[in-house]
Amino acid sequence: KDPIEGREIYLSKIDGIIYGDSPAQGYARGRVFSHPELRFRFEVPQGF
């Protein structure tokens, strides 16, 4: 009769969740991959 939607509680639960890559996985942003825990980075050429 009154189906559950639960938007407000759901958004409160995912507020602050990591979006995209995590520190343990390293970050692929644009053409640069950086790994904060292993402490290295490299860049791929234009067009990749």
ModelCIF file with pLDDT and N, C-alpha, C, O atoms, coordinates in Angstrom:
data_MODEL
#
_entry.id   MODEL 
#
_entity.id                         1 
_entity.type                       polymer 
_entity.pdbx_number_of_molecules   1 
#
_entity_poly.entity_id                      1 
_entity_poly.type                           'polypeptide(L)' 
_entity_poly.nstd_linkage                   no 
_entity_poly.nstd_monomer                   no 
_entity_poly.pdbx_seq_one_letter_code       KDPIEGREIYLSKIDGIIYGDSPAQGYARGRVFSHPELRFRFEVPQGF 
_entity_poly.pdbx_seq_one_letter_code_can   KDPIEGREIYLSKIDGIIYGDSPAQGYARGRVFSHPELRFRFEVPQGF 
_entity_poly.pdbx_strand_id                 A 
#
loop_
_entity_poly_seq.entity_id 
_entity_poly_seq.num 
_entity_poly_seq.mon_id 
_entity_poly_seq.hetero 
1 1  LYS n 
1 2  ASP n 
1 3  PRO n 
1 4  ILE n 
1 5  GLU n 
1 6  GLY n 
1 7  ARG n 
1 8  GLU n 
1 9  ILE n 
1 10 TYR n 
1 11 LEU n 
1 12 SER n 
1 13 LYS n 
1 14 ILE n 
1 15 ASP n 
1 16 GLY n 
1 17 ILE n 
1 18 ILE n 
1 19 TYR n 
1 20 GLY n 
1 21 ASP n 
1 22 SER n 
1 23 PRO n 
1 24 ALA n 
1 25 GLN n 
1 26 GLY n 
1 27 TYR n 
1 28 ALA n 
1 29 ARG n 
1 30 GLY n 
1 31 ARG n 
1 32 VAL n 
1 33 PHE n 
1 34 SER n 
1 35 HIS n 
1 36 PRO n 
1 37 GLU n 
1 38 LEU n 
1 39 ARG n 
1 40 PHE n 
1 41 ARG n 
1 42 PHE n 
1 43 GLU n 
1 44 VAL n 
1 45 PRO n 
1 46 GLN n 
1 47 GLY n 
1 48 PHE n 
#
_struct_asym.id          A 
_struct_asym.entity_id   1 
#
loop_
_ma_qa_metric.id 
_ma_qa_metric.mode 
_ma_qa_metric.name 
_ma_qa_metric.software_group_id 
_ma_qa_metric.type 
1 global pLDDT . pLDDT 
2 local  pLDDT . pLDDT 
#
_ma_qa_metric_global.metric_id      1 
_ma_qa_metric_global.metric_value   95.50 
_ma_qa_metric_global.model_id       1 
_ma_qa_metric_global.ordinal_id     1 
#
loop_
_ma_qa_metric_local.label_asym_id 
_ma_qa_metric_local.label_comp_id 
_ma_qa_metric_local.label_seq_id 
_ma_qa_metric_local.metric_id 
_ma_qa_metric_local.metric_value 
_ma_qa_metric_local.model_id 
_ma_qa_metric_local.ordinal_id 
A LYS 1  2 86.00 1 1  
A ASP 2  2 91.00 1 2  
A PRO 3  2 93.00 1 3  
A ILE 4  2 95.00 1 4  
A GLU 5  2 95.00 1 5  
A GLY 6  2 97.00 1 6  
A ARG 7  2 97.00 1 7  
A GLU 8  2 97.00 1 8  
A ILE 9  2 98.00 1 9  
A TYR 10 2 98.00 1 10 
A LEU 11 2 98.00 1 11 
A SER 12 2 98.00 1 12 
A LYS 13 2 98.00 1 13 
A ILE 14 2 98.00 1 14 
A ASP 15 2 98.00 1 15 
A GLY 16 2 98.00 1 16 
A ILE 17 2 98.00 1 17 
A ILE 18 2 98.00 1 18 
A TYR 19 2 97.00 1 19 
A GLY 20 2 95.00 1 20 
A ASP 21 2 94.00 1 21 
A SER 22 2 94.00 1 22 
A PRO 23 2 94.00 1 23 
A ALA 24 2 91.00 1 24 
A GLN 25 2 92.00 1 25 
A GLY 26 2 96.00 1 26 
A TYR 27 2 97.00 1 27 
A ALA 28 2 95.00 1 28 
A ARG 29 2 94.00 1 29 
A GLY 30 2 90.00 1 30 
A ARG 31 2 94.00 1 31 
A VAL 32 2 97.00 1 32 
A PHE 33 2 98.00 1 33 
A SER 34 2 98.00 1 34 
A HIS 35 2 97.00 1 35 
A PRO 36 2 97.00 1 36 
A GLU 37 2 95.00 1 37 
A LEU 38 2 94.00 1 38 
A ARG 39 2 96.00 1 39 
A PHE 40 2 97.00 1 40 
A ARG 41 2 97.00 1 41 
A PHE 42 2 98.00 1 42 
A GLU 43 2 98.00 1 43 
A VAL 44 2 97.00 1 44 
A PRO 45 2 95.00 1 45 
A GLN 46 2 93.00 1 46 
A GLY 47 2 90.00 1 47 
A PHE 48 2 93.00 1 48 
#
loop_
_atom_site.group_PDB 
_atom_site.id 
_atom_site.type_symbol 
_atom_site.label_atom_id 
_atom_site.label_alt_id 
_atom_site.label_comp_id 
_atom_site.label_asym_id 
_atom_site.label_entity_id 
_atom_site.label_seq_id 
_atom_site.pdbx_PDB_ins_code 
_atom_site.Cartn_x 
_atom_site.Cartn_y 
_atom_site.Cartn_z 
_atom_site.occupancy 
_atom_site.B_iso_or_equiv 
_atom_site.pdbx_formal_charge 
_atom_site.auth_seq_id 
_atom_site.auth_comp_id 
_atom_site.auth_asym_id 
_atom_site.auth_atom_id 
_atom_site.pdbx_PDB_model_num 
ATOM 1   N N  . LYS A 1 1  ? 0.827  -1.211 0.000   1.00 86.00 ? 1  LYS A N  1 
ATOM 2   C CA . LYS A 1 1  ? 0.000  0.000  0.000   1.00 86.00 ? 1  LYS A CA 1 
ATOM 3   C C  . LYS A 1 1  ? 0.856  1.254  0.000   1.00 86.00 ? 1  LYS A C  1 
ATOM 4   O O  . LYS A 1 1  ? 0.621  2.163  -0.796  1.00 86.00 ? 1  LYS A O  1 
ATOM 5   N N  . ASP A 1 2  ? 1.840  1.317  0.876   1.00 91.00 ? 2  ASP A N  1 
ATOM 6   C CA . ASP A 1 2  ? 2.756  2.469  0.957   1.00 91.00 ? 2  ASP A CA 1 
ATOM 7   C C  . ASP A 1 2  ? 4.184  1.954  0.809   1.00 91.00 ? 2  ASP A C  1 
ATOM 8   O O  . ASP A 1 2  ? 4.880  1.747  1.803   1.00 91.00 ? 2  ASP A O  1 
ATOM 9   N N  . PRO A 1 3  ? 4.620  1.746  -0.432  1.00 93.00 ? 3  PRO A N  1 
ATOM 10  C CA . PRO A 1 3  ? 5.936  1.127  -0.644  1.00 93.00 ? 3  PRO A CA 1 
ATOM 11  C C  . PRO A 1 3  ? 7.079  1.977  -0.084  1.00 93.00 ? 3  PRO A C  1 
ATOM 12  O O  . PRO A 1 3  ? 7.042  3.207  -0.114  1.00 93.00 ? 3  PRO A O  1 
ATOM 13  N N  . ILE A 1 4  ? 8.088  1.282  0.423   1.00 95.00 ? 4  ILE A N  1 
ATOM 14  C CA . ILE A 1 4  ? 9.268  1.940  0.988   1.00 95.00 ? 4  ILE A CA 1 
ATOM 15  C C  . ILE A 1 4  ? 10.141 2.480  -0.133  1.00 95.00 ? 4  ILE A C  1 
ATOM 16  O O  . ILE A 1 4  ? 10.419 1.783  -1.108  1.00 95.00 ? 4  ILE A O  1 
ATOM 17  N N  . GLU A 1 5  ? 10.572 3.734  0.014   1.00 95.00 ? 5  GLU A N  1 
ATOM 18  C CA . GLU A 1 5  ? 11.550 4.313  -0.891  1.00 95.00 ? 5  GLU A CA 1 
ATOM 19  C C  . GLU A 1 5  ? 12.877 4.481  -0.178  1.00 95.00 ? 5  GLU A C  1 
ATOM 20  O O  . GLU A 1 5  ? 13.914 4.055  -0.687  1.00 95.00 ? 5  GLU A O  1 
ATOM 21  N N  . GLY A 1 6  ? 12.858 5.095  0.993   1.00 97.00 ? 6  GLY A N  1 
ATOM 22  C CA . GLY A 1 6  ? 14.044 5.181  1.840   1.00 97.00 ? 6  GLY A CA 1 
ATOM 23  C C  . GLY A 1 6  ? 15.155 6.051  1.293   1.00 97.00 ? 6  GLY A C  1 
ATOM 24  O O  . GLY A 1 6  ? 16.330 5.734  1.479   1.00 97.00 ? 6  GLY A O  1 
ATOM 25  N N  . ARG A 1 7  ? 14.811 7.151  0.617   1.00 97.00 ? 7  ARG A N  1 
ATOM 26  C CA . ARG A 1 7  ? 15.846 8.001  0.027   1.00 97.00 ? 7  ARG A CA 1 
ATOM 27  C C  . ARG A 1 7  ? 16.668 8.722  1.096   1.00 97.00 ? 7  ARG A C  1 
ATOM 28  O O  . ARG A 1 7  ? 17.896 8.759  1.019   1.00 97.00 ? 7  ARG A O  1 
ATOM 29  N N  . GLU A 1 8  ? 15.996 9.287  2.081   1.00 97.00 ? 8  GLU A N  1 
ATOM 30  C CA . GLU A 1 8  ? 16.709 10.083 3.082   1.00 97.00 ? 8  GLU A CA 1 
ATOM 31  C C  . GLU A 1 8  ? 17.702 9.244  3.874   1.00 97.00 ? 8  GLU A C  1 
ATOM 32  O O  . GLU A 1 8  ? 18.856 9.638  4.045   1.00 97.00 ? 8  GLU A O  1 
ATOM 33  N N  . ILE A 1 9  ? 17.254 8.085  4.359   1.00 98.00 ? 9  ILE A N  1 
ATOM 34  C CA . ILE A 1 9  ? 18.164 7.249  5.149   1.00 98.00 ? 9  ILE A CA 1 
ATOM 35  C C  . ILE A 1 9  ? 19.286 6.706  4.278   1.00 98.00 ? 9  ILE A C  1 
ATOM 36  O O  . ILE A 1 9  ? 20.425 6.573  4.727   1.00 98.00 ? 9  ILE A O  1 
ATOM 37  N N  . TYR A 1 10 ? 18.954 6.391  3.027   1.00 98.00 ? 10 TYR A N  1 
ATOM 38  C CA . TYR A 1 10 ? 19.981 5.840  2.139   1.00 98.00 ? 10 TYR A CA 1 
ATOM 39  C C  . TYR A 1 10 ? 21.083 6.864  1.884   1.00 98.00 ? 10 TYR A C  1 
ATOM 40  O O  . TYR A 1 10 ? 22.265 6.539  1.988   1.00 98.00 ? 10 TYR A O  1 
ATOM 41  N N  . LEU A 1 11 ? 20.710 8.082  1.555   1.00 98.00 ? 11 LEU A N  1 
ATOM 42  C CA . LEU A 1 11 ? 21.715 9.113  1.286   1.00 98.00 ? 11 LEU A CA 1 
ATOM 43  C C  . LEU A 1 11 ? 22.563 9.392  2.528   1.00 98.00 ? 11 LEU A C  1 
ATOM 44  O O  . LEU A 1 11 ? 23.755 9.680  2.418   1.00 98.00 ? 11 LEU A O  1 
ATOM 45  N N  . SER A 1 12 ? 21.952 9.306  3.694   1.00 98.00 ? 12 SER A N  1 
ATOM 46  C CA . SER A 1 12 ? 22.722 9.528  4.925   1.00 98.00 ? 12 SER A CA 1 
ATOM 47  C C  . SER A 1 12 ? 23.752 8.425  5.138   1.00 98.00 ? 12 SER A C  1 
ATOM 48  O O  . SER A 1 12 ? 24.820 8.668  5.699   1.00 98.00 ? 12 SER A O  1 
ATOM 49  N N  . LYS A 1 13 ? 23.431 7.205  4.689   1.00 98.00 ? 13 LYS A N  1 
ATOM 50  C CA . LYS A 1 13 ? 24.352 6.078  4.872   1.00 98.00 ? 13 LYS A CA 1 
ATOM 51  C C  . LYS A 1 13 ? 25.525 6.125  3.892   1.00 98.00 ? 13 LYS A C  1 
ATOM 52  O O  . LYS A 1 13 ? 26.629 5.701  4.234   1.00 98.00 ? 13 LYS A O  1 
ATOM 53  N N  . ILE A 1 14 ? 25.300 6.635  2.681   1.00 98.00 ? 14 ILE A N  1 
ATOM 54  C CA . ILE A 1 14 ? 26.399 6.669  1.698   1.00 98.00 ? 14 ILE A CA 1 
ATOM 55  C C  . ILE A 1 14 ? 27.114 8.012  1.687   1.00 98.00 ? 14 ILE A C  1 
ATOM 56  O O  . ILE A 1 14 ? 28.089 8.177  0.954   1.00 98.00 ? 14 ILE A O  1 
ATOM 57  N N  . ASP A 1 15 ? 26.663 8.966  2.470   1.00 98.00 ? 15 ASP A N  1 
ATOM 58  C CA . ASP A 1 15 ? 27.332 10.262 2.551   1.00 98.00 ? 15 ASP A CA 1 
ATOM 59  C C  . ASP A 1 15 ? 28.782 10.057 3.005   1.00 98.00 ? 15 ASP A C  1 
ATOM 60  O O  . ASP A 1 15 ? 29.018 9.482  4.068   1.00 98.00 ? 15 ASP A O  1 
ATOM 61  N N  . GLY A 1 16 ? 29.741 10.516 2.220   1.00 98.00 ? 16 GLY A N  1 
ATOM 62  C CA . GLY A 1 16 ? 31.150 10.373 2.565   1.00 98.00 ? 16 GLY A CA 1 
ATOM 63  C C  . GLY A 1 16 ? 31.804 9.121  2.025   1.00 98.00 ? 16 GLY A C  1 
ATOM 64  O O  . GLY A 1 16 ? 33.002 8.928  2.232   1.00 98.00 ? 16 GLY A O  1 
ATOM 65  N N  . ILE A 1 17 ? 31.060 8.252  1.333   1.00 98.00 ? 17 ILE A N  1 
ATOM 66  C CA . ILE A 1 17 ? 31.646 7.043  0.785   1.00 98.00 ? 17 ILE A CA 1 
ATOM 67  C C  . ILE A 1 17 ? 32.683 7.409  -0.277  1.00 98.00 ? 17 ILE A C  1 
ATOM 68  O O  . ILE A 1 17 ? 32.511 8.386  -1.006  1.00 98.00 ? 17 ILE A O  1 
ATOM 69  N N  . ILE A 1 18 ? 33.755 6.628  -0.364  1.00 98.00 ? 18 ILE A N  1 
ATOM 70  C CA . ILE A 1 18 ? 34.776 6.875  -1.384  1.00 98.00 ? 18 ILE A CA 1 
ATOM 71  C C  . ILE A 1 18 ? 34.157 6.704  -2.759  1.00 98.00 ? 18 ILE A C  1 
ATOM 72  O O  . ILE A 1 18 ? 33.429 5.744  -3.010  1.00 98.00 ? 18 ILE A O  1 
ATOM 73  N N  . TYR A 1 19 ? 34.452 7.641  -3.643  1.00 97.00 ? 19 TYR A N  1 
ATOM 74  C CA . TYR A 1 19 ? 33.968 7.602  -5.016  1.00 97.00 ? 19 TYR A CA 1 
ATOM 75  C C  . TYR A 1 19 ? 35.160 7.438  -5.937  1.00 97.00 ? 19 TYR A C  1 
ATOM 76  O O  . TYR A 1 19 ? 36.102 8.228  -5.872  1.00 97.00 ? 19 TYR A O  1 
ATOM 77  N N  . GLY A 1 20 ? 35.139 6.439  -6.785  1.00 95.00 ? 20 GLY A N  1 
ATOM 78  C CA . GLY A 1 20 ? 36.278 6.184  -7.658  1.00 95.00 ? 20 GLY A CA 1 
ATOM 79  C C  . GLY A 1 20 ? 37.354 5.403  -6.927  1.00 95.00 ? 20 GLY A C  1 
ATOM 80  O O  . GLY A 1 20 ? 37.052 4.593  -6.050  1.00 95.00 ? 20 GLY A O  1 
ATOM 81  N N  . ASP A 1 21 ? 38.607 5.644  -7.285  1.00 94.00 ? 21 ASP A N  1 
ATOM 82  C CA . ASP A 1 21 ? 39.713 4.862  -6.740  1.00 94.00 ? 21 ASP A CA 1 
ATOM 83  C C  . ASP A 1 21 ? 39.949 5.155  -5.268  1.00 94.00 ? 21 ASP A C  1 
ATOM 84  O O  . ASP A 1 21 ? 39.714 6.266  -4.793  1.00 94.00 ? 21 ASP A O  1 
ATOM 85  N N  . SER A 1 22 ? 40.420 4.133  -4.551  1.00 94.00 ? 22 SER A N  1 
ATOM 86  C CA . SER A 1 22 ? 40.776 4.279  -3.139  1.00 94.00 ? 22 SER A CA 1 
ATOM 87  C C  . SER A 1 22 ? 42.291 4.391  -3.007  1.00 94.00 ? 22 SER A C  1 
ATOM 88  O O  . SER A 1 22 ? 43.009 4.069  -3.953  1.00 94.00 ? 22 SER A O  1 
ATOM 89  N N  . PRO A 1 23 ? 42.800 4.844  -1.846  1.00 94.00 ? 23 PRO A N  1 
ATOM 90  C CA . PRO A 1 23 ? 44.251 4.976  -1.673  1.00 94.00 ? 23 PRO A CA 1 
ATOM 91  C C  . PRO A 1 23 ? 45.001 3.665  -1.901  1.00 94.00 ? 23 PRO A C  1 
ATOM 92  O O  . PRO A 1 23 ? 46.094 3.673  -2.467  1.00 94.00 ? 23 PRO A O  1 
ATOM 93  N N  . ALA A 1 24 ? 44.434 2.546  -1.473  1.00 91.00 ? 24 ALA A N  1 
ATOM 94  C CA . ALA A 1 24 ? 45.103 1.259  -1.630  1.00 91.00 ? 24 ALA A CA 1 
ATOM 95  C C  . ALA A 1 24 ? 45.180 0.827  -3.088  1.00 91.00 ? 24 ALA A C  1 
ATOM 96  O O  . ALA A 1 24 ? 46.031 0.016  -3.452  1.00 91.00 ? 24 ALA A O  1 
ATOM 97  N N  . GLN A 1 25 ? 44.294 1.366  -3.924  1.00 92.00 ? 25 GLN A N  1 
ATOM 98  C CA . GLN A 1 25 ? 44.266 1.001  -5.338  1.00 92.00 ? 25 GLN A CA 1 
ATOM 99  C C  . GLN A 1 25 ? 45.054 1.965  -6.206  1.00 92.00 ? 25 GLN A C  1 
ATOM 100 O O  . GLN A 1 25 ? 45.340 1.666  -7.366  1.00 92.00 ? 25 GLN A O  1 
ATOM 101 N N  . GLY A 1 26 ? 45.410 3.128  -5.652  1.00 96.00 ? 26 GLY A N  1 
ATOM 102 C CA . GLY A 1 26 ? 46.031 4.167  -6.455  1.00 96.00 ? 26 GLY A CA 1 
ATOM 103 C C  . GLY A 1 26 ? 44.984 4.929  -7.245  1.00 96.00 ? 26 GLY A C  1 
ATOM 104 O O  . GLY A 1 26 ? 43.836 4.496  -7.341  1.00 96.00 ? 26 GLY A O  1 
ATOM 105 N N  . TYR A 1 27 ? 45.377 6.072  -7.814  1.00 97.00 ? 27 TYR A N  1 
ATOM 106 C CA . TYR A 1 27 ? 44.423 6.954  -8.480  1.00 97.00 ? 27 TYR A CA 1 
ATOM 107 C C  . TYR A 1 27 ? 44.755 7.108  -9.965  1.00 97.00 ? 27 TYR A C  1 
ATOM 108 O O  . TYR A 1 27 ? 45.863 7.505  -10.327 1.00 97.00 ? 27 TYR A O  1 
ATOM 109 N N  . ALA A 1 28 ? 43.786 6.791  -10.810 1.00 95.00 ? 28 ALA A N  1 
ATOM 110 C CA . ALA A 1 28 ? 43.905 7.049  -12.245 1.00 95.00 ? 28 ALA A CA 1 
ATOM 111 C C  . ALA A 1 28 ? 43.096 8.302  -12.540 1.00 95.00 ? 28 ALA A C  1 
ATOM 112 O O  . ALA A 1 28 ? 41.866 8.263  -12.555 1.00 95.00 ? 28 ALA A O  1 
ATOM 113 N N  . ARG A 1 29 ? 43.782 9.404  -12.772 1.00 94.00 ? 29 ARG A N  1 
ATOM 114 C CA . ARG A 1 29 ? 43.129 10.684 -13.002 1.00 94.00 ? 29 ARG A CA 1 
ATOM 115 C C  . ARG A 1 29 ? 43.729 11.333 -14.236 1.00 94.00 ? 29 ARG A C  1 
ATOM 116 O O  . ARG A 1 29 ? 44.911 11.675 -14.284 1.00 94.00 ? 29 ARG A O  1 
ATOM 117 N N  . GLY A 1 30 ? 42.862 11.490 -15.238 1.00 90.00 ? 30 GLY A N  1 
ATOM 118 C CA . GLY A 1 30 ? 43.348 11.988 -16.509 1.00 90.00 ? 30 GLY A CA 1 
ATOM 119 C C  . GLY A 1 30 ? 44.304 10.987 -17.123 1.00 90.00 ? 30 GLY A C  1 
ATOM 120 O O  . GLY A 1 30 ? 43.955 9.822  -17.318 1.00 90.00 ? 30 GLY A O  1 
ATOM 121 N N  . ARG A 1 31 ? 45.523 11.445 -17.431 1.00 94.00 ? 31 ARG A N  1 
ATOM 122 C CA . ARG A 1 31 ? 46.539 10.564 -18.006 1.00 94.00 ? 31 ARG A CA 1 
ATOM 123 C C  . ARG A 1 31 ? 47.591 10.153 -16.982 1.00 94.00 ? 31 ARG A C  1 
ATOM 124 O O  . ARG A 1 31 ? 48.606 9.552  -17.335 1.00 94.00 ? 31 ARG A O  1 
ATOM 125 N N  . VAL A 1 32 ? 47.345 10.483 -15.695 1.00 97.00 ? 32 VAL A N  1 
ATOM 126 C CA . VAL A 1 32 ? 48.330 10.212 -14.649 1.00 97.00 ? 32 VAL A CA 1 
ATOM 127 C C  . VAL A 1 32 ? 47.810 9.154  -13.688 1.00 97.00 ? 32 VAL A C  1 
ATOM 128 O O  . VAL A 1 32 ? 46.676 9.225  -13.215 1.00 97.00 ? 32 VAL A O  1 
ATOM 129 N N  . PHE A 1 33 ? 48.666 8.162  -13.407 1.00 98.00 ? 33 PHE A N  1 
ATOM 130 C CA . PHE A 1 33 ? 48.377 7.208  -12.348 1.00 98.00 ? 33 PHE A CA 1 
ATOM 131 C C  . PHE A 1 33 ? 49.343 7.467  -11.204 1.00 98.00 ? 33 PHE A C  1 
ATOM 132 O O  . PHE A 1 33 ? 50.557 7.503  -11.402 1.00 98.00 ? 33 PHE A O  1 
ATOM 133 N N  . SER A 1 34 ? 48.789 7.650  -9.991  1.00 98.00 ? 34 SER A N  1 
ATOM 134 C CA . SER A 1 34 ? 49.600 7.907  -8.800  1.00 98.00 ? 34 SER A CA 1 
ATOM 135 C C  . SER A 1 34 ? 49.182 6.936  -7.704  1.00 98.00 ? 34 SER A C  1 
ATOM 136 O O  . SER A 1 34 ? 47.995 6.671  -7.513  1.00 98.00 ? 34 SER A O  1 
ATOM 137 N N  . HIS A 1 35 ? 50.165 6.415  -6.993  1.00 97.00 ? 35 HIS A N  1 
ATOM 138 C CA . HIS A 1 35 ? 49.878 5.490  -5.894  1.00 97.00 ? 35 HIS A CA 1 
ATOM 139 C C  . HIS A 1 35 ? 50.447 6.063  -4.600  1.00 97.00 ? 35 HIS A C  1 
ATOM 140 O O  . HIS A 1 35 ? 51.662 6.042  -4.402  1.00 97.00 ? 35 HIS A O  1 
ATOM 141 N N  . PRO A 1 36 ? 49.575 6.581  -3.703  1.00 97.00 ? 36 PRO A N  1 
ATOM 142 C CA . PRO A 1 36 ? 50.080 7.233  -2.497  1.00 97.00 ? 36 PRO A CA 1 
ATOM 143 C C  . PRO A 1 36 ? 50.744 6.281  -1.510  1.00 97.00 ? 36 PRO A C  1 
ATOM 144 O O  . PRO A 1 36 ? 51.632 6.693  -0.764  1.00 97.00 ? 36 PRO A O  1 
ATOM 145 N N  . GLU A 1 37 ? 50.331 5.019  -1.491  1.00 95.00 ? 37 GLU A N  1 
ATOM 146 C CA . GLU A 1 37 ? 50.907 4.085  -0.529  1.00 95.00 ? 37 GLU A CA 1 
ATOM 147 C C  . GLU A 1 37 ? 52.227 3.504  -1.031  1.00 95.00 ? 37 GLU A C  1 
ATOM 148 O O  . GLU A 1 37 ? 53.159 3.318  -0.249  1.00 95.00 ? 37 GLU A O  1 
ATOM 149 N N  . LEU A 1 38 ? 52.311 3.220  -2.320  1.00 94.00 ? 38 LEU A N  1 
ATOM 150 C CA . LEU A 1 38 ? 53.560 2.717  -2.897  1.00 94.00 ? 38 LEU A CA 1 
ATOM 151 C C  . LEU A 1 38 ? 54.467 3.846  -3.368  1.00 94.00 ? 38 LEU A C  1 
ATOM 152 O O  . LEU A 1 38 ? 55.636 3.622  -3.682  1.00 94.00 ? 38 LEU A O  1 
ATOM 153 N N  . ARG A 1 39 ? 53.927 5.054  -3.417  1.00 96.00 ? 39 ARG A N  1 
ATOM 154 C CA . ARG A 1 39 ? 54.675 6.288  -3.674  1.00 96.00 ? 39 ARG A CA 1 
ATOM 155 C C  . ARG A 1 39 ? 55.395 6.285  -5.028  1.00 96.00 ? 39 ARG A C  1 
ATOM 156 O O  . ARG A 1 39 ? 56.622 6.356  -5.103  1.00 96.00 ? 39 ARG A O  1 
ATOM 157 N N  . PHE A 1 40 ? 54.595 6.202  -6.086  1.00 97.00 ? 40 PHE A N  1 
ATOM 158 C CA . PHE A 1 40 ? 55.123 6.385  -7.431  1.00 97.00 ? 40 PHE A CA 1 
ATOM 159 C C  . PHE A 1 40 ? 54.022 6.951  -8.310  1.00 97.00 ? 40 PHE A C  1 
ATOM 160 O O  . PHE A 1 40 ? 52.846 6.934  -7.947  1.00 97.00 ? 40 PHE A O  1 
ATOM 161 N N  . ARG A 1 41 ? 54.422 7.452  -9.470  1.00 97.00 ? 41 ARG A N  1 
ATOM 162 C CA . ARG A 1 41 ? 53.464 7.951  -10.450 1.00 97.00 ? 41 ARG A CA 1 
ATOM 163 C C  . ARG A 1 41 ? 54.053 7.810  -11.841 1.00 97.00 ? 41 ARG A C  1 
ATOM 164 O O  . ARG A 1 41 ? 55.271 7.780  -12.015 1.00 97.00 ? 41 ARG A O  1 
ATOM 165 N N  . PHE A 1 42 ? 53.170 7.724  -12.829 1.00 98.00 ? 42 PHE A N  1 
ATOM 166 C CA . PHE A 1 42 ? 53.592 7.748  -14.229 1.00 98.00 ? 42 PHE A CA 1 
ATOM 167 C C  . PHE A 1 42 ? 52.470 8.353  -15.052 1.00 98.00 ? 42 PHE A C  1 
ATOM 168 O O  . PHE A 1 42 ? 51.330 8.463  -14.601 1.00 98.00 ? 42 PHE A O  1 
ATOM 169 N N  . GLU A 1 43 ? 52.820 8.740  -16.270 1.00 98.00 ? 43 GLU A N  1 
ATOM 170 C CA . GLU A 1 43 ? 51.857 9.397  -17.159 1.00 98.00 ? 43 GLU A CA 1 
ATOM 171 C C  . GLU A 1 43 ? 51.883 8.722  -18.518 1.00 98.00 ? 43 GLU A C  1 
ATOM 172 O O  . GLU A 1 43 ? 52.949 8.403  -19.045 1.00 98.00 ? 43 GLU A O  1 
ATOM 173 N N  . VAL A 1 44 ? 50.696 8.504  -19.083 1.00 97.00 ? 44 VAL A N  1 
ATOM 174 C CA . VAL A 1 44 ? 50.613 7.898  -20.414 1.00 97.00 ? 44 VAL A CA 1 
ATOM 175 C C  . VAL A 1 44 ? 50.522 9.006  -21.457 1.00 97.00 ? 44 VAL A C  1 
ATOM 176 O O  . VAL A 1 44 ? 50.138 10.127 -21.123 1.00 97.00 ? 44 VAL A O  1 
ATOM 177 N N  . PRO A 1 45 ? 50.863 8.722  -22.705 1.00 95.00 ? 45 PRO A N  1 
ATOM 178 C CA . PRO A 1 45 ? 50.897 9.760  -23.743 1.00 95.00 ? 45 PRO A CA 1 
ATOM 179 C C  . PRO A 1 45 ? 49.515 10.333 -24.057 1.00 95.00 ? 45 PRO A C  1 
ATOM 180 O O  . PRO A 1 45 ? 48.484 9.778  -23.676 1.00 95.00 ? 45 PRO A O  1 
ATOM 181 N N  . GLN A 1 46 ? 49.532 11.460 -24.763 1.00 93.00 ? 46 GLN A N  1 
ATOM 182 C CA . GLN A 1 46 ? 48.301 12.084 -25.245 1.00 93.00 ? 46 GLN A CA 1 
ATOM 183 C C  . GLN A 1 46 ? 47.496 11.079 -26.068 1.00 93.00 ? 46 GLN A C  1 
ATOM 184 O O  . GLN A 1 46 ? 48.050 10.279 -26.823 1.00 93.00 ? 46 GLN A O  1 
ATOM 185 N N  . GLY A 1 47 ? 46.180 11.144 -25.900 1.00 90.00 ? 47 GLY A N  1 
ATOM 186 C CA . GLY A 1 47 ? 45.308 10.259 -26.659 1.00 90.00 ? 47 GLY A CA 1 
ATOM 187 C C  . GLY A 1 47 ? 44.978 8.955  -25.956 1.00 90.00 ? 47 GLY A C  1 
ATOM 188 O O  . GLY A 1 47 ? 44.144 8.191  -26.441 1.00 90.00 ? 47 GLY A O  1 
ATOM 189 N N  . PHE A 1 48 ? 45.627 8.679  -24.804 1.00 93.00 ? 48 PHE A N  1 
ATOM 190 C CA . PHE A 1 48 ? 45.350 7.470  -24.028 1.00 93.00 ? 48 PHE A CA 1 
ATOM 191 C C  . PHE A 1 48 ? 44.516 7.829  -22.803 1.00 93.00 ? 48 PHE A C  1 
ATOM 192 O O  . PHE A 1 48 ? 44.171 6.952  -22.012 1.00 93.00 ? 48 PHE A O  1 
#
